[in-house]
Amino acid sequence: SGGGLAQAGDSLALSCAASGLTSKDATMGWFRQSPGN
C-alpha cells in the first residue's frame, strides 16, 4: 500500500504487510518495474 502520484522532489512511503506462514528470520525487500520495461 502507499503508492500514488507525486511530483519530483516529493516524498512517498510504501508499506507491505506479510501474512500467513511467516518466519521471524525472513528477509523482505522491494523491486520495481518501470513502464515499458
PDB file of all heavy atoms in Angstrom:
ATOM      1  N   SER A   1       0.850  -1.187   0.000  1.00  0.00           N
ATOM      2  CA  SER A   1       0.000   0.000   0.000  1.00  0.00           C
ATOM      3  C   SER A   1       0.882   1.232   0.000  1.00  0.00           C
ATOM      4  O   SER A   1       2.088   1.151   0.308  1.00  0.00           O
ATOM      5  CB  SER A   1      -0.933   0.016   1.213  1.00  0.00           C
ATOM      6  OG  SER A   1      -0.196   0.009   2.411  1.00  0.00           O
ATOM      7  N   GLY A   2       0.299   2.365  -0.350  1.00  0.00           N
ATOM      8  CA  GLY A   2       1.013   3.634  -0.245  1.00  0.00           C
ATOM      9  C   GLY A   2       1.438   4.252  -1.551  1.00  0.00           C
ATOM     10  O   GLY A   2       1.993   5.356  -1.554  1.00  0.00           O
ATOM     11  N   GLY A   3       1.214   3.576  -2.665  1.00  0.00           N
ATOM     12  CA  GLY A   3       1.592   4.168  -3.929  1.00  0.00           C
ATOM     13  C   GLY A   3       0.696   5.348  -4.270  1.00  0.00           C
ATOM     14  O   GLY A   3      -0.286   5.625  -3.588  1.00  0.00           O
ATOM     15  N   GLY A   4       1.062   6.036  -5.336  1.00  0.00           N
ATOM     16  CA  GLY A   4       0.256   7.168  -5.761  1.00  0.00           C
ATOM     17  C   GLY A   4       1.022   8.102  -6.657  1.00  0.00           C
ATOM     18  O   GLY A   4       2.066   7.744  -7.206  1.00  0.00           O
ATOM     19  N   LEU A   5       0.497   9.304  -6.781  1.00  0.00           N
ATOM     20  CA  LEU A   5       1.068  10.316  -7.651  1.00  0.00           C
ATOM     21  C   LEU A   5       1.850  11.334  -6.829  1.00  0.00           C
ATOM     22  O   LEU A   5       1.380  11.779  -5.778  1.00  0.00           O
ATOM     23  CB  LEU A   5      -0.043  11.018  -8.409  1.00  0.00           C
ATOM     24  CG  LEU A   5       0.359  12.131  -9.381  1.00  0.00           C
ATOM     25  CD1 LEU A   5       1.220  11.574 -10.503  1.00  0.00           C
ATOM     26  CD2 LEU A   5      -0.892  12.814  -9.929  1.00  0.00           C
ATOM     27  N   ALA A   6       3.033  11.676  -7.297  1.00  0.00           N
ATOM     28  CA  ALA A   6       3.862  12.657  -6.618  1.00  0.00           C
ATOM     29  C   ALA A   6       4.569  13.517  -7.659  1.00  0.00           C
ATOM     30  O   ALA A   6       4.658  13.137  -8.830  1.00  0.00           O
ATOM     31  CB  ALA A   6       4.887  11.974  -5.714  1.00  0.00           C
ATOM     32  N   GLN A   7       5.055  14.642  -7.212  1.00  0.00           N
ATOM     33  CA  GLN A   7       5.862  15.482  -8.077  1.00  0.00           C
ATOM     34  C   GLN A   7       7.336  15.268  -7.754  1.00  0.00           C
ATOM     35  O   GLN A   7       7.681  14.818  -6.647  1.00  0.00           O
ATOM     36  CB  GLN A   7       5.491  16.950  -7.882  1.00  0.00           C
ATOM     37  CG  GLN A   7       4.095  17.299  -8.367  1.00  0.00           C
ATOM     38  CD  GLN A   7       3.807  18.785  -8.334  1.00  0.00           C
ATOM     39  OE1 GLN A   7       4.410  19.521  -7.563  1.00  0.00           O
ATOM     40  NE2 GLN A   7       2.896  19.236  -9.178  1.00  0.00           N
ATOM     41  N   ALA A   8       8.174  15.578  -8.707  1.00  0.00           N
ATOM     42  CA  ALA A   8       9.604  15.454  -8.478  1.00  0.00           C
ATOM     43  C   ALA A   8       9.997  16.262  -7.242  1.00  0.00           C
ATOM     44  O   ALA A   8       9.559  17.398  -7.075  1.00  0.00           O
ATOM     45  CB  ALA A   8      10.376  15.936  -9.698  1.00  0.00           C
ATOM     46  N   GLY A   9      10.799  15.619  -6.387  1.00  0.00           N
ATOM     47  CA  GLY A   9      11.217  16.251  -5.146  1.00  0.00           C
ATOM     48  C   GLY A   9      10.360  15.905  -3.955  1.00  0.00           C
ATOM     49  O   GLY A   9      10.755  16.135  -2.807  1.00  0.00           O
ATOM     50  N   ASP A  10       9.192  15.344  -4.203  1.00  0.00           N
ATOM     51  CA  ASP A  10       8.284  14.955  -3.131  1.00  0.00           C
ATOM     52  C   ASP A  10       8.735  13.661  -2.468  1.00  0.00           C
ATOM     53  O   ASP A  10       9.695  13.003  -2.909  1.00  0.00           O
ATOM     54  CB  ASP A  10       6.866  14.761  -3.679  1.00  0.00           C
ATOM     55  CG  ASP A  10       6.150  16.064  -3.937  1.00  0.00           C
ATOM     56  OD1 ASP A  10       6.704  17.134  -3.600  1.00  0.00           O
ATOM     57  OD2 ASP A  10       5.039  16.008  -4.503  1.00  0.00           O
ATOM     58  N   SER A  11       7.997  13.295  -1.435  1.00  0.00           N
ATOM     59  CA  SER A  11       8.229  12.043  -0.720  1.00  0.00           C
ATOM     60  C   SER A  11       6.972  11.189  -0.741  1.00  0.00           C
ATOM     61  O   SER A  11       5.848  11.707  -0.756  1.00  0.00           O
ATOM     62  CB  SER A  11       8.622  12.322   0.734  1.00  0.00           C
ATOM     63  OG  SER A  11       9.819  13.060   0.815  1.00  0.00           O
ATOM     64  N   LEU A  12       7.186   9.888  -0.756  1.00  0.00           N
ATOM     65  CA  LEU A  12       6.106   8.917  -0.627  1.00  0.00           C
ATOM     66  C   LEU A  12       6.609   7.777   0.238  1.00  0.00           C
ATOM     67  O   LEU A  12       7.818   7.497   0.268  1.00  0.00           O
ATOM     68  CB  LEU A  12       5.689   8.352  -1.979  1.00  0.00           C
ATOM     69  CG  LEU A  12       4.704   9.120  -2.850  1.00  0.00           C
ATOM     70  CD1 LEU A  12       4.488   8.367  -4.167  1.00  0.00           C
ATOM     71  CD2 LEU A  12       3.375   9.319  -2.134  1.00  0.00           C
ATOM     72  N   ALA A  13       5.678   7.118   0.917  1.00  0.00           N
ATOM     73  CA  ALA A  13       6.039   5.960   1.728  1.00  0.00           C
ATOM     74  C   ALA A  13       5.195   4.775   1.318  1.00  0.00           C
ATOM     75  O   ALA A  13       3.979   4.886   1.172  1.00  0.00           O
ATOM     76  CB  ALA A  13       5.845   6.272   3.202  1.00  0.00           C
ATOM     77  N   LEU A  14       5.842   3.657   1.133  1.00  0.00           N
ATOM     78  CA  LEU A  14       5.175   2.403   0.820  1.00  0.00           C
ATOM     79  C   LEU A  14       5.252   1.472   2.025  1.00  0.00           C
ATOM     80  O   LEU A  14       6.193   1.555   2.820  1.00  0.00           O
ATOM     81  CB  LEU A  14       5.842   1.721  -0.367  1.00  0.00           C
ATOM     82  CG  LEU A  14       6.000   2.523  -1.648  1.00  0.00           C
ATOM     83  CD1 LEU A  14       6.654   1.654  -2.720  1.00  0.00           C
ATOM     84  CD2 LEU A  14       4.667   3.064  -2.129  1.00  0.00           C
ATOM     85  N   SER A  15       4.269   0.614   2.136  1.00  0.00           N
ATOM     86  CA  SER A  15       4.319  -0.412   3.158  1.00  0.00           C
ATOM     87  C   SER A  15       3.871  -1.732   2.567  1.00  0.00           C
ATOM     88  O   SER A  15       3.169  -1.771   1.561  1.00  0.00           O
ATOM     89  CB  SER A  15       3.448  -0.047   4.358  1.00  0.00           C
ATOM     90  OG  SER A  15       2.087   0.054   3.980  1.00  0.00           O
ATOM     91  N   CYS A  16       4.292  -2.800   3.193  1.00  0.00           N
ATOM     92  CA  CYS A  16       3.963  -4.143   2.736  1.00  0.00           C
ATOM     93  C   CYS A  16       3.794  -5.031   3.961  1.00  0.00           C
ATOM     94  O   CYS A  16       4.740  -5.203   4.730  1.00  0.00           O
ATOM     95  CB  CYS A  16       5.065  -4.679   1.832  1.00  0.00           C
ATOM     96  SG  CYS A  16       4.907  -6.432   1.435  1.00  0.00           S
ATOM     97  N   ALA A  17       2.610  -5.584   4.088  1.00  0.00           N
ATOM     98  CA  ALA A  17       2.320  -6.447   5.226  1.00  0.00           C
ATOM     99  C   ALA A  17       2.319  -7.904   4.791  1.00  0.00           C
ATOM    100  O   ALA A  17       1.659  -8.261   3.808  1.00  0.00           O
ATOM    101  CB  ALA A  17       0.966  -6.079   5.822  1.00  0.00           C
ATOM    102  N   ALA A  18       3.048  -8.713   5.531  1.00  0.00           N
ATOM    103  CA  ALA A  18       3.102 -10.145   5.260  1.00  0.00           C
ATOM    104  C   ALA A  18       2.163 -10.878   6.201  1.00  0.00           C
ATOM    105  O   ALA A  18       2.067 -10.554   7.388  1.00  0.00           O
ATOM    106  CB  ALA A  18       4.525 -10.650   5.443  1.00  0.00           C
ATOM    107  N   SER A  19       1.499 -11.880   5.665  1.00  0.00           N
ATOM    108  CA  SER A  19       0.612 -12.703   6.486  1.00  0.00           C
ATOM    109  C   SER A  19       0.722 -14.151   6.041  1.00  0.00           C
ATOM    110  O   SER A  19       1.311 -14.454   5.006  1.00  0.00           O
ATOM    111  CB  SER A  19      -0.832 -12.215   6.367  1.00  0.00           C
ATOM    112  OG  SER A  19      -1.300 -12.348   5.039  1.00  0.00           O
ATOM    113  N   GLY A  20       0.158 -15.039   6.829  1.00  0.00           N
ATOM    114  CA  GLY A  20       0.236 -16.464   6.524  1.00  0.00           C
ATOM    115  C   GLY A  20       1.357 -17.110   7.318  1.00  0.00           C
ATOM    116  O   GLY A  20       1.594 -16.765   8.468  1.00  0.00           O
ATOM    117  N   LEU A  21       2.066 -18.023   6.687  1.00  0.00           N
ATOM    118  CA  LEU A  21       3.118 -18.780   7.380  1.00  0.00           C
ATOM    119  C   LEU A  21       4.419 -17.982   7.374  1.00  0.00           C
ATOM    120  O   LEU A  21       5.403 -18.370   6.736  1.00  0.00           O
ATOM    121  CB  LEU A  21       3.295 -20.139   6.715  1.00  0.00           C
ATOM    122  CG  LEU A  21       2.069 -21.055   6.741  1.00  0.00           C
ATOM    123  CD1 LEU A  21       2.353 -22.349   5.986  1.00  0.00           C
ATOM    124  CD2 LEU A  21       1.666 -21.344   8.175  1.00  0.00           C
ATOM    125  N   THR A  22       4.434 -16.895   8.101  1.00  0.00           N
ATOM    126  CA  THR A  22       5.601 -16.021   8.117  1.00  0.00           C
ATOM    127  C   THR A  22       6.671 -16.548   9.059  1.00  0.00           C
ATOM    128  O   THR A  22       6.398 -17.333   9.973  1.00  0.00           O
ATOM    129  CB  THR A  22       5.211 -14.601   8.533  1.00  0.00           C
ATOM    130  OG1 THR A  22       4.596 -14.651   9.823  1.00  0.00           O
ATOM    131  CG2 THR A  22       4.253 -13.984   7.534  1.00  0.00           C
ATOM    132  N   SER A  23       7.885 -16.114   8.821  1.00  0.00           N
ATOM    133  CA  SER A  23       9.037 -16.503   9.628  1.00  0.00           C
ATOM    134  C   SER A  23       9.695 -15.252  10.189  1.00  0.00           C
ATOM    135  O   SER A  23       9.842 -14.254   9.486  1.00  0.00           O
ATOM    136  CB  SER A  23      10.057 -17.264   8.789  1.00  0.00           C
ATOM    137  OG  SER A  23      11.293 -17.375   9.483  1.00  0.00           O
ATOM    138  N   LYS A  24      10.136 -15.295  11.439  1.00  0.00           N
ATOM    139  CA  LYS A  24      10.782 -14.146  12.058  1.00  0.00           C
ATOM    140  C   LYS A  24      12.146 -13.870  11.450  1.00  0.00           C
ATOM    141  O   LYS A  24      12.713 -12.793  11.653  1.00  0.00           O
ATOM    142  CB  LYS A  24      10.924 -14.349  13.562  1.00  0.00           C
ATOM    143  CG  LYS A  24      11.819 -15.530  13.955  1.00  0.00           C
ATOM    144  CD  LYS A  24      11.900 -15.667  15.463  1.00  0.00           C
ATOM    145  CE  LYS A  24      12.773 -16.841  15.860  1.00  0.00           C
ATOM    146  NZ  LYS A  24      14.159 -16.689  15.397  1.00  0.00           N
ATOM    147  N   ASP A  25      12.687 -14.825  10.710  1.00  0.00           N
ATOM    148  CA  ASP A  25      14.026 -14.673  10.139  1.00  0.00           C
ATOM    149  C   ASP A  25      14.005 -14.251   8.669  1.00  0.00           C
ATOM    150  O   ASP A  25      15.050 -14.187   8.035  1.00  0.00           O
ATOM    151  CB  ASP A  25      14.789 -15.987  10.266  1.00  0.00           C
ATOM    152  CG  ASP A  25      15.007 -16.390  11.710  1.00  0.00           C
ATOM    153  OD1 ASP A  25      15.295 -15.505  12.529  1.00  0.00           O
ATOM    154  OD2 ASP A  25      14.874 -17.590  12.007  1.00  0.00           O
ATOM    155  N   ALA A  26      12.864 -13.965   8.129  1.00  0.00           N
ATOM    156  CA  ALA A  26      12.759 -13.679   6.703  1.00  0.00           C
ATOM    157  C   ALA A  26      13.349 -12.322   6.336  1.00  0.00           C
ATOM    158  O   ALA A  26      13.284 -11.366   7.112  1.00  0.00           O
ATOM    159  CB  ALA A  26      11.304 -13.728   6.268  1.00  0.00           C
ATOM    160  N   THR A  27      13.903 -12.277   5.150  1.00  0.00           N
ATOM    161  CA  THR A  27      14.320 -11.008   4.535  1.00  0.00           C
ATOM    162  C   THR A  27      13.155 -10.479   3.707  1.00  0.00           C
ATOM    163  O   THR A  27      12.439 -11.248   3.062  1.00  0.00           O
ATOM    164  CB  THR A  27      15.540 -11.225   3.638  1.00  0.00           C
ATOM    165  OG1 THR A  27      16.677 -11.512   4.463  1.00  0.00           O
ATOM    166  CG2 THR A  27      15.842  -9.999   2.791  1.00  0.00           C
ATOM    167  N   MET A  28      12.966  -9.181   3.747  1.00  0.00           N
ATOM    168  CA  MET A  28      11.924  -8.550   2.933  1.00  0.00           C
ATOM    169  C   MET A  28      12.555  -7.438   2.113  1.00  0.00           C
ATOM    170  O   MET A  28      13.591  -6.877   2.502  1.00  0.00           O
ATOM    171  CB  MET A  28      10.801  -8.006   3.812  1.00  0.00           C
ATOM    172  CG  MET A  28      10.084  -9.085   4.606  1.00  0.00           C
ATOM    173  SD  MET A  28       8.696  -8.461   5.585  1.00  0.00           S
ATOM    174  CE  MET A  28       7.480  -8.159   4.291  1.00  0.00           C
ATOM    175  N   GLY A  29      11.947  -7.151   0.991  1.00  0.00           N
ATOM    176  CA  GLY A  29      12.540  -6.139   0.137  1.00  0.00           C
ATOM    177  C   GLY A  29      11.572  -5.599  -0.890  1.00  0.00           C
ATOM    178  O   GLY A  29      10.377  -5.924  -0.873  1.00  0.00           O
ATOM    179  N   TRP A  30      12.120  -4.765  -1.777  1.00  0.00           N
ATOM    180  CA  TRP A  30      11.334  -4.110  -2.821  1.00  0.00           C
ATOM    181  C   TRP A  30      12.034  -4.208  -4.165  1.00  0.00           C
ATOM    182  O   TRP A  30      13.258  -4.037  -4.255  1.00  0.00           O
ATOM    183  CB  TRP A  30      11.131  -2.630  -2.477  1.00  0.00           C
ATOM    184  CG  TRP A  30      10.318  -2.398  -1.248  1.00  0.00           C
ATOM    185  CD1 TRP A  30      10.786  -2.260   0.031  1.00  0.00           C
ATOM    186  CD2 TRP A  30       8.901  -2.283  -1.169  1.00  0.00           C
ATOM    187  NE1 TRP A  30       9.725  -2.077   0.895  1.00  0.00           N
ATOM    188  CE2 TRP A  30       8.563  -2.082   0.185  1.00  0.00           C
ATOM    189  CE3 TRP A  30       7.866  -2.318  -2.112  1.00  0.00           C
ATOM    190  CZ2 TRP A  30       7.241  -1.915   0.615  1.00  0.00           C
ATOM    191  CZ3 TRP A  30       6.562  -2.153  -1.681  1.00  0.00           C
ATOM    192  CH2 TRP A  30       6.262  -1.950  -0.333  1.00  0.00           C
ATOM    193  N   PHE A  31      11.241  -4.474  -5.180  1.00  0.00           N
ATOM    194  CA  PHE A  31      11.666  -4.378  -6.570  1.00  0.00           C
ATOM    195  C   PHE A  31      10.731  -3.396  -7.263  1.00  0.00           C
ATOM    196  O   PHE A  31       9.680  -3.043  -6.735  1.00  0.00           O
ATOM    197  CB  PHE A  31      11.577  -5.741  -7.265  1.00  0.00           C
ATOM    198  CG  PHE A  31      12.724  -6.662  -6.949  1.00  0.00           C
ATOM    199  CD1 PHE A  31      12.868  -7.225  -5.689  1.00  0.00           C
ATOM    200  CD2 PHE A  31      13.663  -6.969  -7.919  1.00  0.00           C
ATOM    201  CE1 PHE A  31      13.925  -8.081  -5.400  1.00  0.00           C
ATOM    202  CE2 PHE A  31      14.726  -7.824  -7.650  1.00  0.00           C
ATOM    203  CZ  PHE A  31      14.854  -8.383  -6.391  1.00  0.00           C
ATOM    204  N   ARG A  32      11.098  -2.967  -8.451  1.00  0.00           N
ATOM    205  CA  ARG A  32      10.215  -2.102  -9.216  1.00  0.00           C
ATOM    206  C   ARG A  32      10.328  -2.416 -10.702  1.00  0.00           C
ATOM    207  O   ARG A  32      11.351  -2.862 -11.180  1.00  0.00           O
ATOM    208  CB  ARG A  32      10.525  -0.625  -8.971  1.00  0.00           C
ATOM    209  CG  ARG A  32      11.910  -0.160  -9.391  1.00  0.00           C
ATOM    210  CD  ARG A  32      12.140   1.284  -8.948  1.00  0.00           C
ATOM    211  NE  ARG A  32      13.477   1.767  -9.281  1.00  0.00           N
ATOM    212  CZ  ARG A  32      13.950   2.955  -8.919  1.00  0.00           C
ATOM    213  NH1 ARG A  32      13.194   3.801  -8.209  1.00  0.00           N
ATOM    214  NH2 ARG A  32      15.172   3.323  -9.260  1.00  0.00           N
ATOM    215  N   GLN A  33       9.222  -2.160 -11.398  1.00  0.00           N
ATOM    216  CA  GLN A  33       9.167  -2.382 -12.834  1.00  0.00           C
ATOM    217  C   GLN A  33       8.716  -1.096 -13.484  1.00  0.00           C
ATOM    218  O   GLN A  33       7.569  -0.650 -13.285  1.00  0.00           O
ATOM    219  CB  GLN A  33       8.205  -3.522 -13.171  1.00  0.00           C
ATOM    220  CG  GLN A  33       8.196  -3.923 -14.623  1.00  0.00           C
ATOM    221  CD  GLN A  33       7.431  -5.202 -14.855  1.00  0.00           C
ATOM    222  OE1 GLN A  33       6.825  -5.771 -13.946  1.00  0.00           O
ATOM    223  NE2 GLN A  33       7.470  -5.708 -16.073  1.00  0.00           N
ATOM    224  N   SER A  34       9.611  -0.502 -14.259  1.00  0.00           N
ATOM    225  CA  SER A  34       9.332   0.779 -14.897  1.00  0.00           C
ATOM    226  C   SER A  34       8.466   0.573 -16.132  1.00  0.00           C
ATOM    227  O   SER A  34       8.466  -0.511 -16.730  1.00  0.00           O
ATOM    228  CB  SER A  34      10.645   1.456 -15.283  1.00  0.00           C
ATOM    229  OG  SER A  34      11.454   1.626 -14.143  1.00  0.00           O
ATOM    230  N   PRO A  35       7.744   1.595 -16.568  1.00  0.00           N
ATOM    231  CA  PRO A  35       6.893   1.473 -17.755  1.00  0.00           C
ATOM    232  C   PRO A  35       7.697   1.043 -18.973  1.00  0.00           C
ATOM    233  O   PRO A  35       8.776   1.584 -19.245  1.00  0.00           O
ATOM    234  CB  PRO A  35       6.344   2.895 -17.931  1.00  0.00           C
ATOM    235  CG  PRO A  35       6.399   3.493 -16.577  1.00  0.00           C
ATOM    236  CD  PRO A  35       7.613   2.908 -15.917  1.00  0.00           C
ATOM    237  N   GLY A  36       7.174   0.069 -19.689  1.00  0.00           N
ATOM    238  CA  GLY A  36       7.828  -0.412 -20.895  1.00  0.00           C
ATOM    239  C   GLY A  36       9.000  -1.331 -20.648  1.00  0.00           C
ATOM    240  O   GLY A  36       9.654  -1.774 -21.588  1.00  0.00           O
ATOM    241  N   ASN A  37       9.271  -1.618 -19.383  1.00  0.00           N
ATOM    242  CA  ASN A  37      10.403  -2.485 -19.050  1.00  0.00           C
ATOM    243  C   ASN A  37       9.864  -3.815 -18.545  1.00  0.00           C
ATOM    244  O   ASN A  37       9.093  -3.858 -17.589  1.00  0.00           O
ATOM    245  CB  ASN A  37      11.255  -1.816 -17.984  1.00  0.00           C
ATOM    246  CG  ASN A  37      12.623  -2.456 -17.853  1.00  0.00           C
ATOM    247  OD1 ASN A  37      12.786  -3.642 -18.101  1.00  0.00           O
ATOM    248  ND2 ASN A  37      13.597  -1.665 -17.442  1.00  0.00           N
TER     249      ASN A  37
END
